[in-house]
Amino acid sequence: MPRVVVDVMLKPEILDPQGQAVANALPRLGVSDVASVRIGRRIEIEFTGEPDLDRAREIADKLLANPVIEDFTVRVVEADETAGARS
C-alpha cells in the first residue's frame, strides 16, 4: 500500500547543532571527506484509502513541522520503498 512520506529539515539559515556534532565526530571515525551534516526527520503516514497529499501537507504544516524554522516535503512512496529506507 502506498504511503505518504514527510521529510522535515531545518531551514538552511537555521543552525543545526546536532548535525555539527555529527560532522565534528566523523574525523575520529576516519571520515575526512564530509563537508557538513544536517539532521532531519522522516515521518510516514498511511491513509485508510488512497494517499491524500493535500491532507498530508496540512498535517505537516500544522503538526509535524514548525514552519518558522523548518521546511518539509511530501511525497507518495510504495511500501517496498519505505522498507528499503529503514535498512
PDB file of N, CA and C in Angstrom:
ATOM      1  N   MET A   1       0.840  -1.183   0.000  1.00  0.00           N
ATOM      2  CA  MET A   1       0.000   0.000   0.000  1.00  0.00           C
ATOM      3  C   MET A   1       0.881   1.241   0.000  1.00  0.00           C
ATOM      4  N   PRO A   2       0.591   2.212  -0.842  1.00  0.00           N
ATOM      5  CA  PRO A   2       1.387   3.445  -0.874  1.00  0.00           C
ATOM      6  C   PRO A   2       1.280   4.205   0.446  1.00  0.00           C
ATOM      7  N   ARG A   3       2.357   4.863   0.781  1.00  0.00           N
ATOM      8  CA  ARG A   3       2.405   5.701   1.981  1.00  0.00           C
ATOM      9  C   ARG A   3       2.825   7.103   1.580  1.00  0.00           C
ATOM     10  N   VAL A   4       2.489   8.034   2.434  1.00  0.00           N
ATOM     11  CA  VAL A   4       2.958   9.400   2.250  1.00  0.00           C
ATOM     12  C   VAL A   4       4.136   9.600   3.195  1.00  0.00           C
ATOM     13  N   VAL A   5       5.226  10.089   2.641  1.00  0.00           N
ATOM     14  CA  VAL A   5       6.414  10.364   3.440  1.00  0.00           C
ATOM     15  C   VAL A   5       6.579  11.870   3.544  1.00  0.00           C
ATOM     16  N   VAL A   6       6.753  12.338   4.767  1.00  0.00           N
ATOM     17  CA  VAL A   6       7.019  13.750   5.028  1.00  0.00           C
ATOM     18  C   VAL A   6       8.443  13.850   5.557  1.00  0.00           C
ATOM     19  N   ASP A   7       9.290  14.578   4.848  1.00  0.00           N
ATOM     20  CA  ASP A   7      10.656  14.827   5.301  1.00  0.00           C
ATOM     21  C   ASP A   7      10.708  16.245   5.842  1.00  0.00           C
ATOM     22  N   VAL A   8      11.171  16.387   7.072  1.00  0.00           N
ATOM     23  CA  VAL A   8      11.246  17.693   7.735  1.00  0.00           C
ATOM     24  C   VAL A   8      12.718  18.011   7.998  1.00  0.00           C
ATOM     25  N   MET A   9      13.139  19.187   7.544  1.00  0.00           N
ATOM     26  CA  MET A   9      14.527  19.627   7.742  1.00  0.00           C
ATOM     27  C   MET A   9      14.527  21.065   8.254  1.00  0.00           C
ATOM     28  N   LEU A  10      15.544  21.386   9.055  1.00  0.00           N
ATOM     29  CA  LEU A  10      15.720  22.770   9.446  1.00  0.00           C
ATOM     30  C   LEU A  10      15.985  23.603   8.194  1.00  0.00           C
ATOM     31  N   LYS A  11      15.496  24.827   8.179  1.00  0.00           N
ATOM     32  CA  LYS A  11      15.781  25.724   7.063  1.00  0.00           C
ATOM     33  C   LYS A  11      17.292  25.939   6.989  1.00  0.00           C
ATOM     34  N   PRO A  12      17.821  26.171   5.787  1.00  0.00           N
ATOM     35  CA  PRO A  12      19.280  26.294   5.635  1.00  0.00           C
ATOM     36  C   PRO A  12      19.915  27.371   6.518  1.00  0.00           C
ATOM     37  N   GLU A  13      19.172  28.424   6.790  1.00  0.00           N
ATOM     38  CA  GLU A  13      19.748  29.514   7.595  1.00  0.00           C
ATOM     39  C   GLU A  13      19.707  29.243   9.104  1.00  0.00           C
ATOM     40  N   ILE A  14      19.095  28.139   9.517  1.00  0.00           N
ATOM     41  CA  ILE A  14      18.993  27.794  10.939  1.00  0.00           C
ATOM     42  C   ILE A  14      20.160  26.895  11.328  1.00  0.00           C
ATOM     43  N   LEU A  15      20.847  27.244  12.406  1.00  0.00           N
ATOM     44  CA  LEU A  15      21.960  26.461  12.917  1.00  0.00           C
ATOM     45  C   LEU A  15      21.488  25.067  13.299  1.00  0.00           C
ATOM     46  N   ASP A  16      22.259  24.043  12.962  1.00  0.00           N
ATOM     47  CA  ASP A  16      21.928  22.653  13.263  1.00  0.00           C
ATOM     48  C   ASP A  16      23.018  22.063  14.169  1.00  0.00           C
ATOM     49  N   PRO A  17      22.920  22.261  15.492  1.00  0.00           N
ATOM     50  CA  PRO A  17      23.973  21.781  16.388  1.00  0.00           C
ATOM     51  C   PRO A  17      24.126  20.259  16.374  1.00  0.00           C
ATOM     52  N   GLN A  18      23.045  19.528  16.185  1.00  0.00           N
ATOM     53  CA  GLN A  18      23.146  18.070  16.126  1.00  0.00           C
ATOM     54  C   GLN A  18      23.936  17.650  14.882  1.00  0.00           C
ATOM     55  N   GLY A  19      23.653  18.278  13.763  1.00  0.00           N
ATOM     56  CA  GLY A  19      24.398  17.991  12.541  1.00  0.00           C
ATOM     57  C   GLY A  19      25.869  18.360  12.684  1.00  0.00           C
ATOM     58  N   GLN A  20      26.134  19.485  13.336  1.00  0.00           N
ATOM     59  CA  GLN A  20      27.525  19.896  13.551  1.00  0.00           C
ATOM     60  C   GLN A  20      28.263  18.898  14.443  1.00  0.00           C
ATOM     61  N   ALA A  21      27.579  18.382  15.460  1.00  0.00           N
ATOM     62  CA  ALA A  21      28.205  17.392  16.348  1.00  0.00           C
ATOM     63  C   ALA A  21      28.580  16.132  15.568  1.00  0.00           C
ATOM     64  N   VAL A  22      27.688  15.686  14.688  1.00  0.00           N
ATOM     65  CA  VAL A  22      27.982  14.511  13.864  1.00  0.00           C
ATOM     66  C   VAL A  22      29.153  14.809  12.932  1.00  0.00           C
ATOM     67  N   ALA A  23      29.127  15.960  12.275  1.00  0.00           N
ATOM     68  CA  ALA A  23      30.204  16.327  11.360  1.00  0.00           C
ATOM     69  C   ALA A  23      31.546  16.398  12.090  1.00  0.00           C
ATOM     70  N   ASN A  24      31.546  16.920  13.307  1.00  0.00           N
ATOM     71  CA  ASN A  24      32.780  17.020  14.085  1.00  0.00           C
ATOM     72  C   ASN A  24      33.284  15.657  14.551  1.00  0.00           C
ATOM     73  N   ALA A  25      32.396  14.678  14.708  1.00  0.00           N
ATOM     74  CA  ALA A  25      32.793  13.345  15.160  1.00  0.00           C
ATOM     75  C   ALA A  25      33.319  12.472  14.021  1.00  0.00           C
ATOM     76  N   LEU A  26      32.959  12.779  12.804  1.00  0.00           N
ATOM     77  CA  LEU A  26      33.348  11.928  11.672  1.00  0.00           C
ATOM     78  C   LEU A  26      34.854  11.749  11.510  1.00  0.00           C
ATOM     79  N   PRO A  27      35.680  12.795  11.671  1.00  0.00           N
ATOM     80  CA  PRO A  27      37.126  12.576  11.548  1.00  0.00           C
ATOM     81  C   PRO A  27      37.672  11.552  12.552  1.00  0.00           C
ATOM     82  N   ARG A  28      37.074  11.455  13.722  1.00  0.00           N
ATOM     83  CA  ARG A  28      37.506  10.450  14.708  1.00  0.00           C
ATOM     84  C   ARG A  28      37.207   9.034  14.232  1.00  0.00           C
ATOM     85  N   LEU A  29      36.281   8.923  13.264  1.00  0.00           N
ATOM     86  CA  LEU A  29      35.962   7.616  12.678  1.00  0.00           C
ATOM     87  C   LEU A  29      36.739   7.388  11.378  1.00  0.00           C
ATOM     88  N   GLY A  30      37.621   8.308  11.057  1.00  0.00           N
ATOM     89  CA  GLY A  30      38.412   8.178   9.845  1.00  0.00           C
ATOM     90  C   GLY A  30      37.745   8.720   8.600  1.00  0.00           C
ATOM     91  N   VAL A  31      36.656   9.443   8.766  1.00  0.00           N
ATOM     92  CA  VAL A  31      35.938  10.023   7.626  1.00  0.00           C
ATOM     93  C   VAL A  31      36.326  11.496   7.537  1.00  0.00           C
ATOM     94  N   SER A  32      37.028  11.845   6.470  1.00  0.00           N
ATOM     95  CA  SER A  32      37.511  13.218   6.370  1.00  0.00           C
ATOM     96  C   SER A  32      36.976  13.954   5.147  1.00  0.00           C
ATOM     97  N   ASP A  33      36.130  13.314   4.352  1.00  0.00           N
ATOM     98  CA  ASP A  33      35.670  13.952   3.118  1.00  0.00           C
ATOM     99  C   ASP A  33      34.225  14.444   3.186  1.00  0.00           C
ATOM    100  N   VAL A  34      33.695  14.651   4.389  1.00  0.00           N
ATOM    101  CA  VAL A  34      32.337  15.169   4.559  1.00  0.00           C
ATOM    102  C   VAL A  34      32.431  16.632   4.969  1.00  0.00           C
ATOM    103  N   ALA A  35      31.804  17.513   4.191  1.00  0.00           N
ATOM    104  CA  ALA A  35      31.881  18.949   4.456  1.00  0.00           C
ATOM    105  C   ALA A  35      30.895  19.390   5.537  1.00  0.00           C
ATOM    106  N   SER A  36      29.672  18.840   5.525  1.00  0.00           N
ATOM    107  CA  SER A  36      28.685  19.231   6.525  1.00  0.00           C
ATOM    108  C   SER A  36      27.618  18.151   6.646  1.00  0.00           C
ATOM    109  N   VAL A  37      26.896  18.193   7.761  1.00  0.00           N
ATOM    110  CA  VAL A  37      25.814  17.242   8.040  1.00  0.00           C
ATOM    111  C   VAL A  37      24.626  18.036   8.564  1.00  0.00           C
ATOM    112  N   ARG A  38      23.435  17.710   8.079  1.00  0.00           N
ATOM    113  CA  ARG A  38      22.197  18.298   8.600  1.00  0.00           C
ATOM    114  C   ARG A  38      21.297  17.141   9.007  1.00  0.00           C
ATOM    115  N   ILE A  39      20.679  17.262  10.150  1.00  0.00           N
ATOM    116  CA  ILE A  39      19.815  16.220  10.695  1.00  0.00           C
ATOM    117  C   ILE A  39      18.361  16.627  10.505  1.00  0.00           C
ATOM    118  N   GLY A  40      17.532  15.678  10.091  1.00  0.00           N
ATOM    119  CA  GLY A  40      16.109  15.943   9.899  1.00  0.00           C
ATOM    120  C   GLY A  40      15.269  14.780  10.394  1.00  0.00           C
ATOM    121  N   ARG A  41      13.992  14.819  10.052  1.00  0.00           N
ATOM    122  CA  ARG A  41      13.053  13.763  10.458  1.00  0.00           C
ATOM    123  C   ARG A  41      12.313  13.250   9.236  1.00  0.00           C
ATOM    124  N   ARG A  42      11.975  11.979   9.283  1.00  0.00           N
ATOM    125  CA  ARG A  42      11.159  11.352   8.244  1.00  0.00           C
ATOM    126  C   ARG A  42       9.932  10.782   8.928  1.00  0.00           C
ATOM    127  N   ILE A  43       8.765  11.161   8.444  1.00  0.00           N
ATOM    128  CA  ILE A  43       7.505  10.682   9.010  1.00  0.00           C
ATOM    129  C   ILE A  43       6.745   9.967   7.904  1.00  0.00           C
ATOM    130  N   GLU A  44       6.248   8.770   8.177  1.00  0.00           N
ATOM    131  CA  GLU A  44       5.462   8.013   7.205  1.00  0.00           C
ATOM    132  C   GLU A  44       4.008   8.009   7.655  1.00  0.00           C
ATOM    133  N   ILE A  45       3.114   8.357   6.736  1.00  0.00           N
ATOM    134  CA  ILE A  45       1.678   8.401   7.025  1.00  0.00           C
ATOM    135  C   ILE A  45       0.991   7.389   6.123  1.00  0.00           C
ATOM    136  N   GLU A  46       0.200   6.528   6.723  1.00  0.00           N
ATOM    137  CA  GLU A  46      -0.563   5.547   5.951  1.00  0.00           C
ATOM    138  C   GLU A  46      -2.043   5.882   6.094  1.00  0.00           C
ATOM    139  N   PHE A  47      -2.678   6.218   4.986  1.00  0.00           N
ATOM    140  CA  PHE A  47      -4.102   6.542   4.992  1.00  0.00           C
ATOM    141  C   PHE A  47      -4.919   5.265   4.834  1.00  0.00           C
ATOM    142  N   THR A  48      -6.167   5.297   5.267  1.00  0.00           N
ATOM    143  CA  THR A  48      -7.028   4.118   5.138  1.00  0.00           C
ATOM    144  C   THR A  48      -7.416   3.870   3.686  1.00  0.00           C
ATOM    145  N   GLY A  49      -7.461   4.900   2.876  1.00  0.00           N
ATOM    146  CA  GLY A  49      -7.773   4.751   1.452  1.00  0.00           C
ATOM    147  C   GLY A  49      -6.583   5.194   0.623  1.00  0.00           C
ATOM    148  N   GLU A  50      -6.869   5.907  -0.456  1.00  0.00           N
ATOM    149  CA  GLU A  50      -5.804   6.438  -1.302  1.00  0.00           C
ATOM    150  C   GLU A  50      -5.020   7.519  -0.552  1.00  0.00           C
ATOM    151  N   PRO A  51      -3.717   7.607  -0.789  1.00  0.00           N
ATOM    152  CA  PRO A  51      -2.924   8.659  -0.151  1.00  0.00           C
ATOM    153  C   PRO A  51      -3.445  10.038  -0.544  1.00  0.00           C
ATOM    154  N   ASP A  52      -3.578  10.907   0.429  1.00  0.00           N
ATOM    155  CA  ASP A  52      -4.100  12.257   0.221  1.00  0.00           C
ATOM    156  C   ASP A  52      -2.976  13.265   0.484  1.00  0.00           C
ATOM    157  N   LEU A  53      -2.321  13.716  -0.579  1.00  0.00           N
ATOM    158  CA  LEU A  53      -1.191  14.634  -0.415  1.00  0.00           C
ATOM    159  C   LEU A  53      -1.599  15.975   0.177  1.00  0.00           C
ATOM    160  N   ASP A  54      -2.772  16.474  -0.196  1.00  0.00           N
ATOM    161  CA  ASP A  54      -3.223  17.746   0.371  1.00  0.00           C
ATOM    162  C   ASP A  54      -3.429  17.626   1.874  1.00  0.00           C
ATOM    163  N   ARG A  55      -4.042  16.535   2.309  1.00  0.00           N
ATOM    164  CA  ARG A  55      -4.248  16.313   3.747  1.00  0.00           C
ATOM    165  C   ARG A  55      -2.897  16.136   4.453  1.00  0.00           C
ATOM    166  N   ALA A  56      -1.977  15.425   3.818  1.00  0.00           N
ATOM    167  CA  ALA A  56      -0.652  15.229   4.408  1.00  0.00           C
ATOM    168  C   ALA A  56       0.089  16.558   4.545  1.00  0.00           C
ATOM    169  N   ARG A  57      -0.024  17.437   3.540  1.00  0.00           N
ATOM    170  CA  ARG A  57       0.602  18.765   3.634  1.00  0.00           C
ATOM    171  C   ARG A  57       0.009  19.565   4.797  1.00  0.00           C
ATOM    172  N   GLU A  58      -1.298  19.470   4.964  1.00  0.00           N
ATOM    173  CA  GLU A  58      -1.959  20.167   6.070  1.00  0.00           C
ATOM    174  C   GLU A  58      -1.462  19.631   7.415  1.00  0.00           C
ATOM    175  N   ILE A  59      -1.356  18.309   7.522  1.00  0.00           N
ATOM    176  CA  ILE A  59      -0.852  17.686   8.758  1.00  0.00           C
ATOM    177  C   ILE A  59       0.577  18.151   9.030  1.00  0.00           C
ATOM    178  N   ALA A  60       1.404  18.136   7.991  1.00  0.00           N
ATOM    179  CA  ALA A  60       2.800  18.550   8.160  1.00  0.00           C
ATOM    180  C   ALA A  60       2.899  20.008   8.576  1.00  0.00           C
ATOM    181  N   ASP A  61       2.116  20.862   7.934  1.00  0.00           N
ATOM    182  CA  ASP A  61       2.181  22.292   8.212  1.00  0.00           C
ATOM    183  C   ASP A  61       1.680  22.632   9.614  1.00  0.00           C
ATOM    184  N   LYS A  62       0.643  21.935  10.070  1.00  0.00           N
ATOM    185  CA  LYS A  62       0.021  22.267  11.360  1.00  0.00           C
ATOM    186  C   LYS A  62       0.575  21.481  12.541  1.00  0.00           C
ATOM    187  N   LEU A  63       1.178  20.318  12.276  1.00  0.00           N
ATOM    188  CA  LEU A  63       1.545  19.446  13.392  1.00  0.00           C
ATOM    189  C   LEU A  63       2.988  18.946  13.344  1.00  0.00           C
ATOM    190  N   LEU A  64       3.458  18.534  12.183  1.00  0.00           N
ATOM    191  CA  LEU A  64       4.740  17.836  12.112  1.00  0.00           C
ATOM    192  C   LEU A  64       5.946  18.761  11.987  1.00  0.00           C
ATOM    193  N   ALA A  65       5.767  19.934  11.411  1.00  0.00           N
ATOM    194  CA  ALA A  65       6.880  20.857  11.194  1.00  0.00           C
ATOM    195  C   ALA A  65       6.567  22.210  11.812  1.00  0.00           C
ATOM    196  N   ASN A  66       7.608  22.898  12.209  1.00  0.00           N
ATOM    197  CA  ASN A  66       7.489  24.277  12.666  1.00  0.00           C
ATOM    198  C   ASN A  66       7.858  25.158  11.478  1.00  0.00           C
ATOM    199  N   PRO A  67       6.882  25.734  10.789  1.00  0.00           N
ATOM    200  CA  PRO A  67       7.175  26.469   9.552  1.00  0.00           C
ATOM    201  C   PRO A  67       8.081  27.684   9.740  1.00  0.00           C
ATOM    202  N   VAL A  68       8.278  28.130  10.961  1.00  0.00           N
ATOM    203  CA  VAL A  68       9.167  29.258  11.199  1.00  0.00           C
ATOM    204  C   VAL A  68      10.625  28.841  10.991  1.00  0.00           C
ATOM    205  N   ILE A  69      10.980  27.620  11.407  1.00  0.00           N
ATOM    206  CA  ILE A  69      12.380  27.193  11.331  1.00  0.00           C
ATOM    207  C   ILE A  69      12.605  25.941  10.482  1.00  0.00           C
ATOM    208  N   GLU A  70      11.530  25.301  10.007  1.00  0.00           N
ATOM    209  CA  GLU A  70      11.679  24.056   9.260  1.00  0.00           C
ATOM    210  C   GLU A  70      10.960  24.103   7.916  1.00  0.00           C
ATOM    211  N   ASP A  71      11.520  23.391   6.958  1.00  0.00           N
ATOM    212  CA  ASP A  71      10.892  23.141   5.666  1.00  0.00           C
ATOM    213  C   ASP A  71      10.476  21.680   5.635  1.00  0.00           C
ATOM    214  N   PHE A  72       9.492  21.355   4.797  1.00  0.00           N
ATOM    215  CA  PHE A  72       9.119  19.955   4.658  1.00  0.00           C
ATOM    216  C   PHE A  72       8.755  19.654   3.218  1.00  0.00           C
ATOM    217  N   THR A  73       8.921  18.393   2.856  1.00  0.00           N
ATOM    218  CA  THR A  73       8.479  17.900   1.555  1.00  0.00           C
ATOM    219  C   THR A  73       7.534  16.738   1.800  1.00  0.00           C
ATOM    220  N   VAL A  74       6.603  16.551   0.891  1.00  0.00           N
ATOM    221  CA  VAL A  74       5.605  15.488   0.997  1.00  0.00           C
ATOM    222  C   VAL A  74       5.622  14.718  -0.317  1.00  0.00           C
ATOM    223  N   ARG A  75       5.669  13.383  -0.222  1.00  0.00           N
ATOM    224  CA  ARG A  75       5.665  12.562  -1.433  1.00  0.00           C
ATOM    225  C   ARG A  75       5.040  11.212  -1.141  1.00  0.00           C
ATOM    226  N   VAL A  76       4.561  10.576  -2.182  1.00  0.00           N
ATOM    227  CA  VAL A  76       3.985   9.231  -2.069  1.00  0.00           C
ATOM    228  C   VAL A  76       5.064   8.231  -2.454  1.00  0.00           C
ATOM    229  N   VAL A  77       5.205   7.179  -1.651  1.00  0.00           N
ATOM    230  CA  VAL A  77       6.141   6.098  -1.966  1.00  0.00           C
ATOM    231  C   VAL A  77       5.415   4.770  -1.836  1.00  0.00           C
ATOM    232  N   GLU A  78       5.889   3.789  -2.552  1.00  0.00           N
ATOM    233  CA  GLU A  78       5.340   2.442  -2.445  1.00  0.00           C
ATOM    234  C   GLU A  78       5.891   1.782  -1.187  1.00  0.00           C
ATOM    235  N   ALA A  79       5.222   0.770  -0.686  1.00  0.00           N
ATOM    236  CA  ALA A  79       5.613   0.097   0.550  1.00  0.00           C
ATOM    237  C   ALA A  79       7.034  -0.441   0.471  1.00  0.00           C
ATOM    238  N   ASP A  80       7.445  -0.972  -0.673  1.00  0.00           N
ATOM    239  CA  ASP A  80       8.806  -1.524  -0.787  1.00  0.00           C
ATOM    240  C   ASP A  80       9.868  -0.427  -0.682  1.00  0.00           C
ATOM    241  N   GLU A  81       9.548   0.808  -1.055  1.00  0.00           N
ATOM    242  CA  GLU A  81      10.495   1.921  -0.902  1.00  0.00           C
ATOM    243  C   GLU A  81      10.678   2.291   0.550  1.00  0.00           C
ATOM    244  N   THR A  82       9.613   2.235   1.342  1.00  0.00           N
ATOM    245  CA  THR A  82       9.753   2.588   2.754  1.00  0.00           C
ATOM    246  C   THR A  82      10.529   1.528   3.500  1.00  0.00           C
ATOM    247  N   ALA A  83      10.387   0.268   3.126  1.00  0.00           N
ATOM    248  CA  ALA A  83      11.144  -0.805   3.779  1.00  0.00           C
ATOM    249  C   ALA A  83      12.640  -0.631   3.507  1.00  0.00           C
ATOM    250  N   GLY A  84      12.991  -0.271   2.284  1.00  0.00           N
ATOM    251  CA  GLY A  84      14.389  -0.082   1.922  1.00  0.00           C
ATOM    252  C   GLY A  84      15.007   1.098   2.621  1.00  0.00           C
ATOM    253  N   ALA A  85      14.223   2.110   2.947  1.00  0.00           N
ATOM    254  CA  ALA A  85      14.753   3.300   3.610  1.00  0.00           C
ATOM    255  C   ALA A  85      15.162   3.012   5.046  1.00  0.00           C
ATOM    256  N   ARG A  86      14.641   1.962   5.634  1.00  0.00           N
ATOM    257  CA  ARG A  86      14.958   1.646   7.020  1.00  0.00           C
ATOM    258  C   ARG A  86      16.222   0.808   7.158  1.00  0.00           C
ATOM    259  N   SER A  87      16.750   0.304   6.078  1.00  0.00           N
ATOM    260  CA  SER A  87      17.927  -0.569   6.150  1.00  0.00           C
ATOM    261  C   SER A  87      19.162   0.202   6.523  1.00  0.00           C
TER     262      SER A  87
END
